Amino acid sequence: MTGQAQFSLRGRNPDVLTCIANLSNDEVFTPPAFAGRMLDTLAQAWATDHEGAKIWADSSVRFLDPCTKSGVFLREITSRLTKGLADEIPDLEDRVDHILTRQVFGIGITHLTSLLARRSVYCSKHANGEHSIAKSLTSDHGNIWFERTEHQWADGKCAYCGASQKTMDRGEGLETHAYAFIHADDIKTRMADLFGGDMQFDVIIGNPPYQLDDGGYGTSAAPIYQLFVENAIRLDPRYAVFVTPSRWMAGGKGLDKYRERMLSDKHLRNIVDYPKLYEGFPGVKIRGGISYFLWDRDHNGPCEVQTIWDGQPTGPAVARQLDSYDILIRRNEAVPILDKVRAKGEPTLVDRVSSRKPFGLPTNFRGKPSAAGVTKPIRLYENQRIGWISRKDIPINEALIDEWKVLMTRVQGTSAAIETKFLSKPIIAEPGTACTETYLVAGHFDNEADASYYAKYLSTRFVRFLVSLRKQTQDAARGVYGFVPDLPLNQEWTDAKLYKRYGLTKKEIAFIESQVAEHKIELFDEDSSPEGDDE
C-alpha cells in the first residue's frame, strides 16, 4: 500500500493551501488557520460596533485584499459570507454569485499568484470560464485584478518602492515585483481605475510582501509592507487588518517614521503578537516574529495588545497607549517594570556604548597571528580569534587603546526559536587592546575595578531584560541599551540590589527571570573564542 493511499484512507480532505510552499521569505503565504483568526478578530469588532450584528450576514460589505497571493483571505471571507447570507439570499448559486461579483475583491501581486488566487476563490483560473462558480463576471480576471506594472526609475531606484534598477529592471519574461497597490500617485484614483469610480471598501485585509530582496539580503533588505498599510489607510476603509513582521515595533531599516505613525495612531484597536520564531507561520524564519493588527476608522483610544506563545495567550489583552515610549513594549507584563525604571529619570547606557566600528576596523579585518615583527603591537579582538596590529594602523579612537574596556559582541543569538540571553558575556579588555566591528565598546574605564563592576552589571538578568525590550533580532547594536540605566559603579550591582532599587514585586521579578536565563561572567581568555553565547 502506498503512502498516498494510506493518507486517503484516513478520511481526511486536506486544505491545499496548507500544503503549498512559500515563494520566498518576501512573499509568505498565510496559513488558513491564521487567516481565520484575523477574520475572527474582525468579526468581533464588527459585532461590538453594530449591536451584535454579524458581518457575514451583511450583503453590502465590501472586502479588498490588495496583495493577494494564495487567495486565502478572499476564499475564507467567501466561505463565511456564503453561510451568513443564506437567509437573505436562499439560492446558493445566486448567493455565491452576489458575493463574488459585489463583495470580494483582490489585487494579485504576481501573475502566478493571481492565477492561484482565482483558482482558490472562483474554482477556476478564468473568472468567466465554464468552471467558475461566479456566473456574472465578464472578464477573465474577474474581481481579482492583475496586470504587469513597471517600476518608475529615478537615480537608480524606484520612486515608489525603492527597488534597485540594476536588479529589478528586467525583461518581460520575468516578474517586475512592482506591486500595483503601492505604485500609484493617488491610491483612490488607482482603485477607481481598477474596480470602478463608486468603489468604497469597508474592509481591507491582507499579508503584504515584506521586502524586496534585490541584493540587500535578509535583515538589510528594505521593507515594503508598511507601504501597503499606509495606502490601505489612505483608502479610508471602516477596518484594515494586516499581518506583518513585528520588527517595526522596535527597529527595522527605514521604519522609524512608520513606527512613530503607528504608535501615535489612536485608530489602532487590536494588536495580536506572535514573538516566538516560527509560531505564527510555521517553517518561515521571520526574525522578531509576526503580528497582526486591526485598524478601526471610528476608534479613538487605547489599543488592546495580546501576546500569543505556544498557541495560547500569555495573559488577558491589555488596553494601553502605544506611544508611552518610542518603541512598542510587546509584553504587557513588561510595561509596569519599565515604568518603574524610567520613573527615576536616570541617564541610559546609550551615551556610554560605542557605535559600530569603535576603532574603524571592519568585521573581516585580520591582524597578524602574533606580535612578532609588529611595531608597537596592539592586541586585537577579532571575529573568533585574537590578532595583532600596529598602533599606527588603528584608524580612530586611539585614546581608548590604553584604557580598560568592556566589549560586547554586536551580534548575539542563534537560529533557536527562543532567545534567553539577549547579550553576550562581557569581555574585559585590558589596556593595549582594540577590537574590530565584531564588538562594541560598551564602556571604557581608568581602572580594572570599574570595568569589572560594569561587566557584572551587564551580565545581570535585569539589564538583559531591559535590553530584550528593544532587541528584535540578533543585532545587539547601541540602541538596544536605550532603557538600561547608567548607574554609579561604586558597588557591585546584583539582580537582588536592582530589584530592590526599582521596587519590583515578586510577580515582576518572576516574569523577568522567566524570560532571561542566568548569565555568569567569565573573563575572556586569549585561548578561548571571543564569540557571543549560543542560546
Protein backbone atom coordinates (compact mmCIF):
# COMPACT_ATOMS: atom_id res chain seq x y z
CA MET A 1 0.00 0.00 0.00
CA THR A 2 1.45 3.37 -0.95
CA GLY A 3 1.82 6.35 1.34
CA GLN A 4 -0.72 8.27 -0.76
CA ALA A 5 -3.30 5.51 -0.36
CA GLN A 6 -2.73 5.36 3.39
CA PHE A 7 -3.30 9.08 3.59
CA SER A 8 -6.57 8.91 1.67
CA LEU A 9 -7.86 6.08 3.83
CA ARG A 10 -7.62 8.26 6.93
CA GLY A 11 -10.72 10.07 5.73
CA ARG A 12 -9.04 13.45 5.63
CA ASN A 13 -9.54 16.08 2.96
CA PRO A 14 -6.56 18.40 3.48
CA ASP A 15 -6.80 22.07 2.60
CA VAL A 16 -4.48 22.54 -0.37
CA LEU A 17 -3.49 25.99 0.90
CA THR A 18 -1.87 24.36 3.92
CA CYS A 19 0.32 22.27 1.63
CA ILE A 20 1.84 24.77 -0.80
CA ALA A 21 5.35 26.08 -0.25
CA ASN A 22 6.14 29.76 0.11
CA LEU A 23 7.56 31.52 -2.92
CA SER A 24 10.17 33.23 -0.75
CA ASN A 25 10.55 34.92 2.62
CA ASP A 26 9.45 38.12 0.87
CA GLU A 27 6.10 36.69 -0.24
CA VAL A 28 4.84 34.43 2.53
CA PHE A 29 1.58 32.55 2.16
CA THR A 30 -0.81 32.95 5.08
CA PRO A 31 -1.86 29.66 6.71
CA PRO A 32 -5.67 29.27 6.53
CA ALA A 33 -5.97 28.88 10.30
CA PHE A 34 -4.08 32.14 10.85
CA ALA A 35 -6.26 33.95 8.32
CA GLY A 36 -9.25 32.60 10.24
CA ARG A 37 -8.00 34.16 13.48
CA MET A 38 -7.65 37.53 11.78
CA LEU A 39 -11.18 37.27 10.45
CA ASP A 40 -12.44 36.30 13.91
CA THR A 41 -10.91 39.49 15.33
CA LEU A 42 -12.59 41.50 12.58
CA ALA A 43 -15.95 39.83 13.24
CA GLN A 44 -15.72 40.58 16.96
CA ALA A 45 -15.01 44.25 16.31
CA TRP A 46 -17.91 44.48 13.84
CA ALA A 47 -20.32 42.86 16.30
CA THR A 48 -19.26 45.22 19.08
CA ASP A 49 -19.78 48.24 16.84
CA HIS A 50 -23.08 47.03 15.32
CA GLU A 51 -25.07 45.90 18.36
CA GLY A 52 -24.12 42.26 17.98
CA ALA A 53 -24.77 42.02 14.23
CA LYS A 54 -22.73 39.56 12.18
CA ILE A 55 -20.54 40.95 9.45
CA TRP A 56 -21.01 37.74 7.48
CA ALA A 57 -24.75 38.35 7.29
CA ASP A 58 -24.38 41.76 5.64
CA SER A 59 -24.66 41.63 1.85
CA SER A 60 -23.40 45.19 1.39
CA VAL A 61 -19.96 44.89 2.99
CA ARG A 62 -17.07 45.07 0.52
CA PHE A 63 -13.71 43.39 1.14
CA LEU A 64 -10.36 44.02 -0.56
CA ASP A 65 -7.13 42.05 -0.35
CA PRO A 66 -4.65 44.41 -2.06
CA CYS A 67 -1.81 41.88 -2.03
CA THR A 68 -3.43 38.52 -2.61
CA LYS A 69 -1.16 35.51 -3.09
CA SER A 70 -2.90 32.21 -2.38
CA GLY A 71 -6.32 33.86 -2.16
CA VAL A 72 -6.80 32.52 1.36
CA PHE A 73 -8.39 35.68 2.79
CA LEU A 74 -10.84 36.04 -0.09
CA ARG A 75 -11.68 32.35 0.00
CA GLU A 76 -12.32 32.34 3.76
CA ILE A 77 -14.39 35.52 3.51
CA THR A 78 -16.44 33.99 0.70
CA SER A 79 -16.99 30.84 2.72
CA ARG A 80 -18.23 32.78 5.75
CA LEU A 81 -20.46 35.04 3.69
CA THR A 82 -21.93 32.02 1.92
CA LYS A 83 -23.12 30.68 5.27
CA GLY A 84 -24.08 34.05 6.73
CA LEU A 85 -26.21 35.22 3.80
CA ALA A 86 -28.23 32.00 3.48
CA ASP A 87 -31.40 33.61 4.86
CA GLU A 88 -31.16 36.77 2.78
CA ILE A 89 -30.26 35.01 -0.48
CA PRO A 90 -31.60 31.43 -0.22
CA ASP A 91 -30.48 30.23 -3.66
CA LEU A 92 -26.87 29.05 -3.28
CA GLU A 93 -25.82 29.87 -6.83
CA ASP A 94 -27.28 33.37 -6.66
CA ARG A 95 -25.73 33.89 -3.23
CA VAL A 96 -22.23 32.88 -4.31
CA ASP A 97 -22.51 34.95 -7.47
CA HIS A 98 -23.55 38.02 -5.45
CA ILE A 99 -20.62 37.58 -3.07
CA LEU A 100 -18.03 37.11 -5.80
CA THR A 101 -19.25 39.92 -8.04
CA ARG A 102 -20.16 42.56 -5.47
CA GLN A 103 -18.40 41.88 -2.18
CA VAL A 104 -14.99 40.25 -2.65
CA PHE A 105 -12.11 41.93 -4.49
CA GLY A 106 -8.40 41.37 -4.75
CA ILE A 107 -5.18 42.53 -6.43
CA GLY A 108 -2.66 39.84 -7.33
CA ILE A 109 0.98 40.60 -6.59
CA THR A 110 2.33 38.47 -9.45
CA HIS A 111 0.88 36.70 -12.46
CA LEU A 112 1.35 33.33 -10.76
CA THR A 113 -0.34 34.32 -7.50
CA SER A 114 -3.23 35.95 -9.33
CA LEU A 115 -3.93 32.63 -11.06
CA LEU A 116 -3.63 30.80 -7.75
CA ALA A 117 -5.98 33.26 -6.03
CA ARG A 118 -8.60 32.94 -8.78
CA ARG A 119 -8.38 29.18 -8.56
CA SER A 120 -8.91 29.39 -4.77
CA VAL A 121 -11.84 31.80 -4.98
CA TYR A 122 -13.58 31.09 -8.30
CA CYS A 123 -12.53 27.42 -8.54
CA SER A 124 -11.08 28.38 -11.92
CA LYS A 125 -8.14 30.47 -13.04
CA HIS A 126 -10.57 32.04 -15.53
CA ALA A 127 -13.17 34.07 -13.62
CA ASN A 128 -15.58 33.91 -16.53
CA GLY A 129 -14.76 30.33 -17.50
CA GLU A 130 -17.18 27.44 -17.66
CA HIS A 131 -15.93 26.01 -14.36
CA SER A 132 -16.08 29.30 -12.43
CA ILE A 133 -18.60 29.42 -9.59
CA ALA A 134 -19.12 33.13 -10.33
CA LYS A 135 -21.66 33.31 -13.13
CA SER A 136 -21.93 37.07 -13.74
CA LEU A 137 -18.29 38.04 -14.16
CA THR A 138 -17.50 39.05 -17.70
CA SER A 139 -13.70 39.39 -17.65
CA ASP A 140 -11.08 36.70 -17.37
CA HIS A 141 -9.64 38.16 -14.15
CA GLY A 142 -13.00 38.96 -12.57
CA ASN A 143 -12.56 40.91 -9.36
CA ILE A 144 -9.03 39.60 -8.74
CA TRP A 145 -7.04 42.02 -10.84
CA PHE A 146 -3.52 41.68 -12.11
CA GLU A 147 -1.58 43.40 -14.85
CA ARG A 148 2.13 43.81 -15.19
CA THR A 149 3.23 47.04 -13.53
CA GLU A 150 6.54 48.74 -14.11
CA HIS A 151 8.79 50.49 -11.64
CA GLN A 152 9.34 54.21 -12.06
CA TRP A 153 13.10 54.71 -12.04
CA ALA A 154 14.79 57.80 -10.63
CA ASP A 155 18.51 57.88 -9.85
CA GLY A 156 18.74 54.09 -9.93
CA LYS A 157 15.81 53.48 -7.55
CA CYS A 158 12.07 53.10 -7.94
CA ALA A 159 10.34 56.30 -6.86
CA TYR A 160 7.53 54.29 -5.26
CA CYS A 161 9.10 51.26 -3.55
CA GLY A 162 12.84 51.95 -3.61
CA ALA A 163 13.73 48.85 -5.66
CA SER A 164 17.14 48.79 -7.30
CA GLN A 165 17.04 49.49 -11.03
CA LYS A 166 20.17 47.41 -11.54
CA THR A 167 18.49 44.33 -10.08
CA MET A 168 14.80 44.74 -10.89
CA ASP A 169 14.83 46.38 -14.33
CA ARG A 170 14.48 43.19 -16.31
CA GLY A 171 12.81 41.73 -19.37
CA GLU A 172 9.17 40.91 -19.93
CA GLY A 173 9.77 37.23 -19.21
CA LEU A 174 10.40 37.93 -15.52
CA GLU A 175 8.20 39.41 -12.82
CA THR A 176 8.91 43.05 -12.03
CA HIS A 177 7.66 42.81 -8.43
CA ALA A 178 6.31 46.32 -8.95
CA TYR A 179 3.20 45.81 -6.87
CA ALA A 180 0.26 47.77 -8.24
CA PHE A 181 -1.15 48.82 -4.86
CA ILE A 182 1.98 50.76 -3.91
CA HIS A 183 2.88 52.08 -7.38
CA ALA A 184 0.38 54.90 -7.63
CA ASP A 185 0.42 58.64 -7.01
CA ASP A 186 -3.17 58.61 -5.77
CA ILE A 187 -4.41 55.28 -4.42
CA LYS A 188 -8.09 56.29 -4.55
CA THR A 189 -7.81 57.14 -8.23
CA ARG A 190 -5.96 53.89 -8.81
CA MET A 191 -8.73 51.84 -7.19
CA ALA A 192 -11.36 53.69 -9.22
CA ASP A 193 -9.47 52.76 -12.39
CA LEU A 194 -9.32 49.09 -11.39
CA PHE A 195 -12.76 48.48 -9.90
CA GLY A 196 -14.99 51.46 -10.71
CA GLY A 197 -15.38 55.04 -9.58
CA ASP A 198 -18.00 54.37 -6.90
CA MET A 199 -15.91 51.75 -5.09
CA GLN A 200 -15.55 52.12 -1.33
CA PHE A 201 -14.17 49.20 0.65
CA ASP A 202 -15.41 48.52 4.15
CA VAL A 203 -12.62 46.07 5.00
CA ILE A 204 -9.08 45.91 3.62
CA ILE A 205 -7.22 42.81 4.74
CA GLY A 206 -4.02 41.09 3.73
CA ASN A 207 -0.49 39.83 4.19
CA PRO A 208 1.70 42.11 2.08
CA PRO A 209 5.13 41.30 0.65
CA TYR A 210 7.65 42.02 3.39
CA GLN A 211 10.65 43.30 1.48
CA LEU A 212 12.22 43.47 -1.95
CA ASP A 213 15.26 41.25 -1.57
CA ASP A 214 17.02 42.79 -4.54
CA GLY A 215 20.52 42.45 -3.19
CA GLY A 216 20.04 43.66 0.37
CA TYR A 217 19.77 40.10 1.66
CA GLY A 218 17.80 39.29 4.79
CA THR A 219 17.70 41.87 7.55
CA SER A 220 19.46 44.54 5.45
CA ALA A 221 16.88 44.38 2.65
CA ALA A 222 14.48 47.33 2.73
CA PRO A 223 10.96 46.53 3.99
CA ILE A 224 7.93 47.47 1.87
CA TYR A 225 5.00 46.09 3.89
CA GLN A 226 4.48 49.47 5.52
CA LEU A 227 3.72 50.97 2.10
CA PHE A 228 0.73 48.62 1.72
CA VAL A 229 -0.55 49.51 5.18
CA GLU A 230 -0.24 53.24 4.58
CA ASN A 231 -2.05 53.10 1.22
CA ALA A 232 -4.79 50.93 2.69
CA ILE A 233 -5.44 53.51 5.40
CA ARG A 234 -5.49 56.27 2.76
CA LEU A 235 -8.48 54.49 1.21
CA ASP A 236 -10.40 55.23 4.43
CA PRO A 237 -11.92 51.77 5.00
CA ARG A 238 -14.05 51.03 8.03
CA TYR A 239 -11.45 48.46 9.11
CA ALA A 240 -7.95 47.50 7.98
CA VAL A 241 -6.47 44.18 9.12
CA PHE A 242 -2.88 43.27 8.22
CA VAL A 243 -0.31 40.71 9.27
CA THR A 244 3.32 41.84 9.02
CA PRO A 245 6.69 41.19 10.64
CA SER A 246 6.83 42.67 14.14
CA ARG A 247 10.20 44.26 13.58
CA TRP A 248 8.57 47.67 13.09
CA MET A 249 7.72 47.74 16.78
CA ALA A 250 11.29 48.47 17.86
CA GLY A 251 13.50 48.70 14.79
CA GLY A 252 13.73 47.80 11.14
CA LYS A 253 15.52 49.52 8.30
CA GLY A 254 13.69 52.68 7.25
CA LEU A 255 10.77 52.08 9.59
CA ASP A 256 11.25 54.92 12.08
CA LYS A 257 8.53 57.16 10.62
CA TYR A 258 6.17 54.24 10.17
CA ARG A 259 6.66 53.16 13.79
CA GLU A 260 6.07 56.70 15.02
CA ARG A 261 2.90 56.92 12.97
CA MET A 262 1.58 53.58 14.15
CA LEU A 263 2.29 54.21 17.83
CA SER A 264 0.55 57.57 17.71
CA ASP A 265 -2.46 56.32 15.71
CA LYS A 266 -5.43 56.15 18.07
CA HIS A 267 -7.39 54.18 15.46
CA LEU A 268 -5.36 51.06 16.22
CA ARG A 269 -7.78 48.89 18.11
CA ASN A 270 -6.10 45.47 18.42
CA ILE A 271 -2.60 44.05 18.07
CA VAL A 272 -2.06 40.31 18.36
CA ASP A 273 1.63 39.48 18.58
CA TYR A 274 3.49 36.20 17.95
CA PRO A 275 7.08 36.86 19.12
CA LYS A 276 8.24 33.24 19.07
CA LEU A 277 10.12 32.29 15.92
CA TYR A 278 8.15 30.02 13.56
CA GLU A 279 4.96 30.15 15.65
CA GLY A 280 2.78 32.38 13.52
CA PHE A 281 3.94 30.97 10.20
CA PRO A 282 5.44 27.51 10.79
CA GLY A 283 8.64 26.88 8.86
CA VAL A 284 9.20 30.53 7.93
CA LYS A 285 12.06 32.26 9.72
CA ILE A 286 10.98 35.84 10.41
CA ARG A 287 13.31 37.34 12.99
CA GLY A 288 11.36 39.18 15.66
CA GLY A 289 8.18 37.24 14.95
CA ILE A 290 4.97 38.40 13.32
CA SER A 291 1.81 40.18 14.42
CA TYR A 292 -1.47 41.35 13.05
CA PHE A 293 -3.43 44.46 13.86
CA LEU A 294 -6.93 45.78 13.40
CA TRP A 295 -7.21 49.45 12.49
CA ASP A 296 -10.67 50.92 13.10
CA ARG A 297 -11.56 54.24 11.48
CA ASP A 298 -14.10 55.07 14.19
CA HIS A 299 -11.98 54.01 17.15
CA ASN A 300 -10.17 56.72 19.09
CA GLY A 301 -8.43 55.46 22.19
CA PRO A 302 -6.08 52.86 23.61
CA CYS A 303 -5.13 49.70 21.74
CA GLU A 304 -5.61 46.19 23.12
CA VAL A 305 -2.35 44.24 22.98
CA GLN A 306 -2.30 40.45 23.19
CA THR A 307 0.72 38.13 23.09
CA ILE A 308 0.44 34.55 21.85
CA TRP A 309 3.04 31.99 22.95
CA ASP A 310 2.85 28.28 22.12
CA GLY A 311 -0.63 28.81 20.76
CA GLN A 312 -2.04 30.39 23.92
CA PRO A 313 -2.42 33.96 25.19
CA THR A 314 0.20 34.84 27.80
CA GLY A 315 -2.49 36.74 29.68
CA PRO A 316 -5.54 38.89 29.03
CA ALA A 317 -5.41 41.56 26.35
CA VAL A 318 -4.47 44.90 27.90
CA ALA A 319 -5.67 48.25 26.55
CA ARG A 320 -2.85 50.76 26.61
CA GLN A 321 -1.49 53.87 24.96
CA LEU A 322 1.12 52.72 22.48
CA ASP A 323 3.10 55.95 22.38
CA SER A 324 4.21 55.93 26.01
CA TYR A 325 7.67 55.03 24.70
CA ASP A 326 9.46 55.45 21.38
CA ILE A 327 9.01 51.73 20.68
CA LEU A 328 6.16 49.32 21.31
CA ILE A 329 6.71 47.34 24.51
CA ARG A 330 5.48 43.99 23.25
CA ARG A 331 4.75 42.18 26.50
CA ASN A 332 2.07 43.70 28.71
CA GLU A 333 3.84 42.33 31.79
CA ALA A 334 6.93 44.39 30.97
CA VAL A 335 5.23 47.77 30.90
CA PRO A 336 4.89 48.35 34.69
CA ILE A 337 8.50 47.21 35.18
CA LEU A 338 9.81 49.67 32.63
CA ASP A 339 7.59 52.41 34.05
CA LYS A 340 9.26 51.96 37.45
CA VAL A 341 12.74 52.07 35.94
CA ARG A 342 12.13 55.15 33.81
CA ALA A 343 10.35 56.97 36.63
CA LYS A 344 13.72 57.69 38.24
CA GLY A 345 14.79 59.76 35.25
CA GLU A 346 18.27 58.27 35.11
CA PRO A 347 20.53 58.54 32.05
CA THR A 348 20.90 55.38 29.98
CA LEU A 349 23.80 53.46 28.52
CA VAL A 350 23.14 54.77 25.01
CA ASP A 351 25.59 57.59 25.71
CA ARG A 352 28.21 55.19 27.06
CA VAL A 353 28.11 52.40 24.45
CA SER A 354 30.05 52.98 21.23
CA SER A 355 28.60 52.97 17.75
CA ARG A 356 29.66 50.35 15.19
CA LYS A 357 33.34 50.06 14.23
CA PRO A 358 34.63 51.53 17.51
CA PHE A 359 38.21 51.51 16.16
CA GLY A 360 37.30 51.85 12.48
CA LEU A 361 38.10 48.21 11.65
CA PRO A 362 35.51 46.05 9.82
CA THR A 363 34.49 42.57 10.93
CA ASN A 364 36.53 40.86 8.21
CA PHE A 365 39.75 42.62 9.19
CA ARG A 366 42.52 40.24 10.25
CA GLY A 367 45.61 41.24 12.16
CA LYS A 368 48.88 39.36 12.35
CA PRO A 369 48.72 35.95 14.06
CA SER A 370 51.41 37.01 16.57
CA ALA A 371 53.04 40.15 17.86
CA ALA A 372 56.38 39.18 16.35
CA GLY A 373 57.58 41.81 13.90
CA VAL A 374 54.68 44.21 14.63
CA THR A 375 55.76 47.75 15.54
CA LYS A 376 54.13 48.87 18.78
CA PRO A 377 51.80 45.84 18.76
CA ILE A 378 48.20 46.13 19.90
CA ARG A 379 46.24 43.03 20.87
CA LEU A 380 43.19 42.92 18.61
CA TYR A 381 39.90 41.19 19.43
CA GLU A 382 38.66 39.87 16.10
CA ASN A 383 35.84 37.63 14.94
CA GLN A 384 36.50 34.28 16.71
CA ARG A 385 40.20 34.94 17.31
CA ILE A 386 42.92 37.25 18.61
CA GLY A 387 45.22 39.10 16.25
CA TRP A 388 47.88 41.76 16.45
CA ILE A 389 48.06 45.17 14.77
CA SER A 390 50.46 48.10 14.88
CA ARG A 391 49.23 51.06 16.88
CA LYS A 392 49.67 53.35 13.87
CA ASP A 393 47.22 51.20 11.89
CA ILE A 394 44.30 51.87 14.26
CA PRO A 395 42.16 54.36 12.24
CA ILE A 396 40.19 56.03 15.07
CA ASN A 397 39.81 56.28 18.85
CA GLU A 398 43.48 55.69 19.58
CA ALA A 399 42.95 57.09 23.08
CA LEU A 400 40.75 54.12 24.00
CA ILE A 401 43.59 51.67 23.37
CA ASP A 402 45.23 52.46 26.70
CA GLU A 403 42.08 52.25 28.82
CA TRP A 404 40.28 49.34 30.39
CA LYS A 405 37.34 48.38 28.19
CA VAL A 406 34.28 46.18 28.35
CA LEU A 407 33.49 44.65 24.96
CA MET A 408 30.16 43.19 23.84
CA THR A 409 29.57 41.28 20.63
CA ARG A 410 27.48 43.21 18.12
CA VAL A 411 25.55 40.06 17.14
CA GLN A 412 24.00 37.86 19.81
CA GLY A 413 21.63 34.96 19.33
CA THR A 414 21.17 31.90 17.16
CA SER A 415 18.50 30.38 14.99
CA ALA A 416 16.76 28.99 18.07
CA ALA A 417 13.07 29.78 18.39
CA ILE A 418 13.54 31.28 21.85
CA GLU A 419 16.25 33.72 22.92
CA THR A 420 17.02 33.80 26.61
CA LYS A 421 20.41 35.53 26.92
CA PHE A 422 19.96 38.68 24.77
CA LEU A 423 23.56 39.82 25.31
CA SER A 424 26.87 38.00 25.06
CA LYS A 425 29.13 37.58 28.05
CA PRO A 426 31.12 40.78 28.54
CA ILE A 427 34.82 40.75 27.74
CA ILE A 428 37.11 42.79 29.97
CA ALA A 429 39.88 44.06 27.71
CA GLU A 430 42.98 45.43 29.39
CA PRO A 431 44.95 48.48 28.18
CA GLY A 432 46.87 47.86 24.97
CA THR A 433 43.88 46.34 23.16
CA ALA A 434 41.43 47.20 20.40
CA CYS A 435 38.69 45.37 18.51
CA THR A 436 37.06 45.01 15.12
CA GLU A 437 33.44 45.74 14.26
CA THR A 438 32.53 42.34 15.71
CA TYR A 439 32.37 44.16 19.05
CA LEU A 440 31.06 47.33 20.58
CA VAL A 441 32.98 49.10 23.31
CA ALA A 442 30.23 49.07 25.90
CA GLY A 443 32.30 51.18 28.28
CA HIS A 444 35.86 52.35 28.93
CA PHE A 445 37.46 52.99 32.32
CA ASP A 446 40.58 54.13 34.13
CA ASN A 447 40.90 51.00 36.24
CA GLU A 448 40.10 47.30 36.27
CA ALA A 449 37.76 47.51 39.24
CA ASP A 450 35.28 49.80 37.48
CA ALA A 451 35.46 47.67 34.34
CA SER A 452 34.75 44.56 36.41
CA TYR A 453 31.78 46.16 38.18
CA TYR A 454 30.39 47.29 34.83
CA ALA A 455 30.82 43.86 33.23
CA LYS A 456 28.97 42.24 36.10
CA TYR A 457 26.19 44.82 35.78
CA LEU A 458 25.76 43.99 32.09
CA SER A 459 25.54 40.32 32.99
CA THR A 460 22.55 40.74 35.30
CA ARG A 461 19.17 39.47 34.28
CA PHE A 462 17.77 42.91 34.99
CA VAL A 463 19.95 44.62 32.39
CA ARG A 464 19.44 41.93 29.79
CA PHE A 465 15.68 42.07 30.34
CA LEU A 466 15.68 45.79 29.59
CA VAL A 467 17.80 45.10 26.50
CA SER A 468 15.28 42.45 25.37
CA LEU A 469 12.55 45.09 25.18
CA ARG A 470 14.40 46.84 22.35
CA LYS A 471 16.17 43.88 20.75
CA GLN A 472 14.09 42.30 17.98
CA THR A 473 16.77 40.34 16.10
CA GLN A 474 20.32 39.06 16.56
CA ASP A 475 21.62 42.59 16.19
CA ALA A 476 22.68 43.96 19.57
CA ALA A 477 23.56 47.44 18.39
CA ARG A 478 23.96 50.50 20.56
CA GLY A 479 20.24 51.26 20.52
CA VAL A 480 19.25 48.13 22.44
CA TYR A 481 20.79 49.67 25.57
CA GLY A 482 18.34 52.59 25.45
CA PHE A 483 16.34 51.52 28.52
CA VAL A 484 19.31 50.44 30.69
CA PRO A 485 20.11 52.94 33.47
CA ASP A 486 23.70 54.21 33.63
CA LEU A 487 24.30 53.60 37.34
CA PRO A 488 27.27 54.63 39.52
CA LEU A 489 29.98 51.98 39.57
CA ASN A 490 30.76 52.39 43.26
CA GLN A 491 29.47 48.92 44.06
CA GLU A 492 28.80 45.53 42.52
CA TRP A 493 25.27 45.54 41.16
CA THR A 494 23.38 42.29 41.56
CA ASP A 495 19.89 41.41 40.46
CA ALA A 496 18.72 41.46 44.08
CA LYS A 497 20.02 45.01 44.56
CA LEU A 498 18.50 46.15 41.27
CA TYR A 499 15.10 44.62 42.01
CA LYS A 500 15.08 46.41 45.35
CA ARG A 501 16.27 49.72 43.86
CA TYR A 502 13.33 49.84 41.48
CA GLY A 503 10.72 48.39 43.84
CA LEU A 504 9.84 45.36 41.76
CA THR A 505 7.20 42.98 43.06
CA LYS A 506 7.65 39.22 43.37
CA LYS A 507 5.45 38.77 40.31
CA GLU A 508 7.54 41.20 38.28
CA ILE A 509 10.77 39.52 39.37
CA ALA A 510 9.37 36.13 38.42
CA PHE A 511 8.46 37.46 35.00
CA ILE A 512 11.97 38.79 34.38
CA GLU A 513 13.53 35.52 35.45
CA SER A 514 11.14 33.53 33.27
CA GLN A 515 12.34 35.49 30.26
CA VAL A 516 16.08 35.78 30.89
CA ALA A 517 18.48 32.96 31.67
CA GLU A 518 21.25 33.28 34.23
CA HIS A 519 24.49 34.61 32.77
CA LYS A 520 27.69 34.06 34.72
CA ILE A 521 30.51 36.43 33.90
CA GLU A 522 33.81 34.98 32.71
CA LEU A 523 36.88 36.99 31.84
CA PHE A 524 37.89 36.45 28.25
CA ASP A 525 40.92 34.22 27.89
CA GLU A 526 43.33 34.58 24.97
CA ASP A 527 42.93 30.90 24.16
CA SER A 528 39.14 30.93 24.13
CA SER A 529 36.82 32.09 21.37
CA PRO A 530 35.58 35.69 21.67
CA GLU A 531 32.14 34.85 20.32
CA GLY A 532 28.73 35.55 21.77
CA ASP A 533 26.94 32.76 23.58
CA ASP A 534 24.66 30.40 21.76
CA GLU A 535 21.16 30.09 23.06
